[in-house]
């Protein structure tokens, strides 16, 4: 059986990534808070790619992480 916290975390990460792809707005950083696909495509795709890697890493190794 899948741990509930693992499933919720994976769902949250996937939902945030899907929202960014649909809306064209990425979660910003402290030095560039508003990243849009139209205004700054390199930064947008970089942030989305990093979050995609985090999602894949979590899906592959997340069951060993200690979520509280």
Protein backbone atom coordinates (compact mmCIF):
# COMPACT_ATOMS: atom_id res chain seq x y z
CA UNK A 1 0.00 0.00 0.00
CA UNK A 2 1.24 3.47 -0.88
CA UNK A 3 1.85 5.81 2.02
CA UNK A 4 -0.72 8.62 2.01
CA UNK A 5 1.84 11.39 2.55
CA UNK A 6 3.91 10.04 -0.38
CA UNK A 7 0.87 9.99 -2.68
CA UNK A 8 -0.23 13.49 -1.65
CA UNK A 9 3.25 14.91 -2.15
CA UNK A 10 3.56 13.31 -5.59
CA UNK A 11 0.11 14.63 -6.52
CA UNK A 12 1.02 18.13 -5.31
CA UNK A 13 4.28 18.19 -7.30
CA UNK A 14 2.51 16.96 -10.44
CA UNK A 15 -0.33 19.47 -10.00
CA UNK A 16 2.07 22.42 -9.62
CA UNK A 17 3.98 21.32 -12.71
CA UNK A 18 0.76 20.89 -14.72
CA UNK A 19 -0.52 24.29 -13.59
CA UNK A 20 2.70 25.95 -14.75
CA UNK A 21 2.54 24.26 -18.15
CA UNK A 22 -1.11 25.21 -18.67
CA UNK A 23 -0.91 28.79 -17.40
CA UNK A 24 2.48 29.71 -18.84
CA UNK A 25 3.60 31.13 -15.49
CA UNK A 26 6.34 29.51 -13.46
CA UNK A 27 6.92 29.77 -9.75
CA UNK A 28 9.40 32.57 -9.40
CA UNK A 29 12.52 32.94 -7.38
CA UNK A 30 13.51 35.63 -4.95
CA UNK A 31 15.54 37.46 -7.61
CA UNK A 32 12.92 37.13 -10.39
CA UNK A 33 9.46 36.65 -8.87
CA UNK A 34 7.32 36.62 -12.03
CA UNK A 35 8.47 34.22 -14.76
CA UNK A 36 6.23 33.87 -17.81
CA UNK A 37 6.71 31.72 -20.88
CA UNK A 38 6.16 34.69 -23.20
CA UNK A 39 8.44 37.23 -21.50
CA UNK A 40 11.35 35.01 -20.48
CA UNK A 41 11.15 31.57 -22.13
CA UNK A 42 14.63 30.39 -21.07
CA UNK A 43 14.04 31.02 -17.39
CA UNK A 44 10.52 29.57 -17.62
CA UNK A 45 11.65 26.31 -19.23
CA UNK A 46 14.63 26.06 -16.88
CA UNK A 47 12.38 26.30 -13.81
CA UNK A 48 9.86 23.86 -15.28
CA UNK A 49 12.64 21.41 -16.20
CA UNK A 50 14.16 21.55 -12.71
CA UNK A 51 10.76 20.91 -11.15
CA UNK A 52 10.20 18.02 -13.57
CA UNK A 53 13.51 16.49 -12.48
CA UNK A 54 12.49 16.90 -8.84
CA UNK A 55 9.17 15.17 -9.56
CA UNK A 56 10.85 12.25 -11.34
CA UNK A 57 13.44 11.90 -8.57
CA UNK A 58 10.67 11.90 -5.99
CA UNK A 59 8.70 9.27 -7.88
CA UNK A 60 11.76 7.04 -8.19
CA UNK A 61 13.20 7.46 -4.69
CA UNK A 62 10.43 9.16 -2.71
CA UNK A 63 9.33 6.13 -0.75
CA UNK A 64 12.61 6.27 1.14
CA UNK A 65 12.21 9.98 2.01
CA UNK A 66 10.88 10.81 5.45
CA UNK A 67 7.89 13.13 4.98
CA UNK A 68 6.25 14.51 8.08
